[in-house]
Structure formats: C-alpha cells, structure tokens
Amino acid sequence: MTTNRAGGQDRPFGAVLCDIDRLYEIAADRAGARAERCPVVDDLPENIKAAVRLGMTGALFREAADPRAALGALLAPGLPG
C-alpha cells in the first residue's frame, strides 16, 4: 500500500486511522493473510515495532531507494535458491 505523494498518492484519504496496530490488522484481514505472512517496510521504527508485535516481519529503511532493498531482504530467504 502506497500512502505518499512521491508514490503517486496525492489525493485525500477516505479514512484516517491513528492506531497503527489496528491499521496492520485491517490490512492483513483485507489481504486475507495471517500476520506471519505479511512483510512491513517502513521508515519509522515505531511502525516496525507495531508490526512485529502483531507477528509480522518488519524491515526499516532510511533512504528513498531503500524500500525495495528492504523488501527484497525480507523476501530473499524464502526464495528457492
């Protein structure tokens, strides 16, 4: 889910969720996935901590180019080699 102008999302949001734990629960539910199967890539440590509390795998990034690398690092261990 992309939620920023750089990612092409410059329209107003339809709803505002302030509870990040609840947001991740809703996202997993809508994806039809268990939390353990949901990777989360974010630039805020508190959001990664929330994901991990729910059983998700989290990866922190700091630079604009890092999200893909962080996601790749999450997925690479599960890829057939």
Protein backbone atom coordinates (compact mmCIF):
# COMPACT_ATOMS: atom_id res chain seq x y z
CA MET A 1 0.00 0.00 0.00
CA THR A 2 1.50 3.35 -1.02
CA THR A 3 0.49 6.31 1.08
CA ASN A 4 2.58 9.26 -0.04
CA ARG A 5 2.74 11.87 -2.77
CA ALA A 6 6.07 10.53 -4.10
CA GLY A 7 4.33 7.21 -4.60
CA GLY A 8 1.56 8.86 -6.61
CA GLN A 9 -0.99 9.13 -3.81
CA ASP A 10 -1.73 12.84 -3.62
CA ARG A 11 -5.50 12.54 -3.11
CA PRO A 12 -7.09 12.92 0.33
CA PHE A 13 -7.55 9.72 2.31
CA GLY A 14 -11.07 8.32 2.69
CA ALA A 15 -10.44 7.48 6.34
CA VAL A 16 -7.87 8.28 8.98
CA LEU A 17 -6.57 5.51 11.21
CA CYS A 18 -4.42 6.62 14.11
CA ASP A 19 -3.84 3.21 15.67
CA ILE A 20 -1.05 1.62 13.64
CA ASP A 21 -1.69 -1.79 15.22
CA ARG A 22 -5.28 -1.67 14.04
CA LEU A 23 -4.22 -0.48 10.59
CA TYR A 24 -1.93 -3.51 10.20
CA GLU A 25 -4.69 -5.85 11.45
CA ILE A 26 -7.12 -4.40 8.89
CA ALA A 27 -4.53 -4.64 6.09
CA ALA A 28 -3.83 -8.31 6.86
CA ASP A 29 -7.54 -9.07 7.09
CA ARG A 30 -8.30 -7.36 3.77
CA ALA A 31 -5.42 -9.23 2.16
CA GLY A 32 -6.80 -12.48 3.56
CA ALA A 33 -3.43 -13.24 5.11
CA ARG A 34 -2.20 -14.27 8.54
CA ALA A 35 0.04 -11.68 10.21
CA GLU A 36 3.04 -14.03 9.94
CA ARG A 37 2.73 -13.87 6.14
CA CYS A 38 2.74 -10.04 6.00
CA PRO A 39 6.00 -8.15 5.45
CA VAL A 40 6.03 -4.50 6.51
CA VAL A 41 8.57 -1.98 5.20
CA ASP A 42 8.53 1.45 6.85
CA ASP A 43 10.81 4.36 7.72
CA LEU A 44 9.54 4.71 11.29
CA PRO A 45 10.90 2.34 13.96
CA GLU A 46 7.65 2.55 15.96
CA ASN A 47 5.68 1.25 12.97
CA ILE A 48 8.06 -1.69 12.57
CA LYS A 49 7.71 -2.44 16.30
CA ALA A 50 3.92 -2.43 15.91
CA ALA A 51 4.13 -4.88 13.01
CA VAL A 52 6.41 -7.20 14.95
CA ARG A 53 4.05 -7.08 17.98
CA LEU A 54 1.35 -8.48 15.68
CA GLY A 55 3.60 -11.25 14.38
CA MET A 56 4.51 -9.58 11.09
CA THR A 57 8.04 -9.31 9.74
CA GLY A 58 9.35 -5.77 9.56
CA ALA A 59 12.17 -4.01 7.75
CA LEU A 60 13.27 -0.46 8.44
CA PHE A 61 14.56 1.82 5.66
CA ARG A 62 16.08 5.29 5.82
CA GLU A 63 16.79 6.37 2.23
CA ALA A 64 14.36 6.82 -0.66
CA ALA A 65 15.89 3.89 -2.59
CA ASP A 66 15.84 1.56 0.43
CA PRO A 67 12.21 0.27 0.48
CA ARG A 68 12.78 -2.14 -2.41
CA ALA A 69 16.06 -3.33 -0.95
CA ALA A 70 14.44 -3.79 2.47
CA LEU A 71 11.54 -5.73 0.97
CA GLY A 72 13.97 -7.81 -1.08
CA ALA A 73 15.87 -8.68 2.09
CA LEU A 74 12.61 -9.83 3.68
CA LEU A 75 11.63 -12.00 0.73
CA ALA A 76 15.04 -13.36 -0.32
CA PRO A 77 15.33 -16.00 2.45
CA GLY A 78 12.10 -17.61 1.23
CA LEU A 79 13.06 -17.76 -2.43
CA PRO A 80 14.19 -21.05 -3.90
CA GLY A 81 17.93 -20.97 -4.46
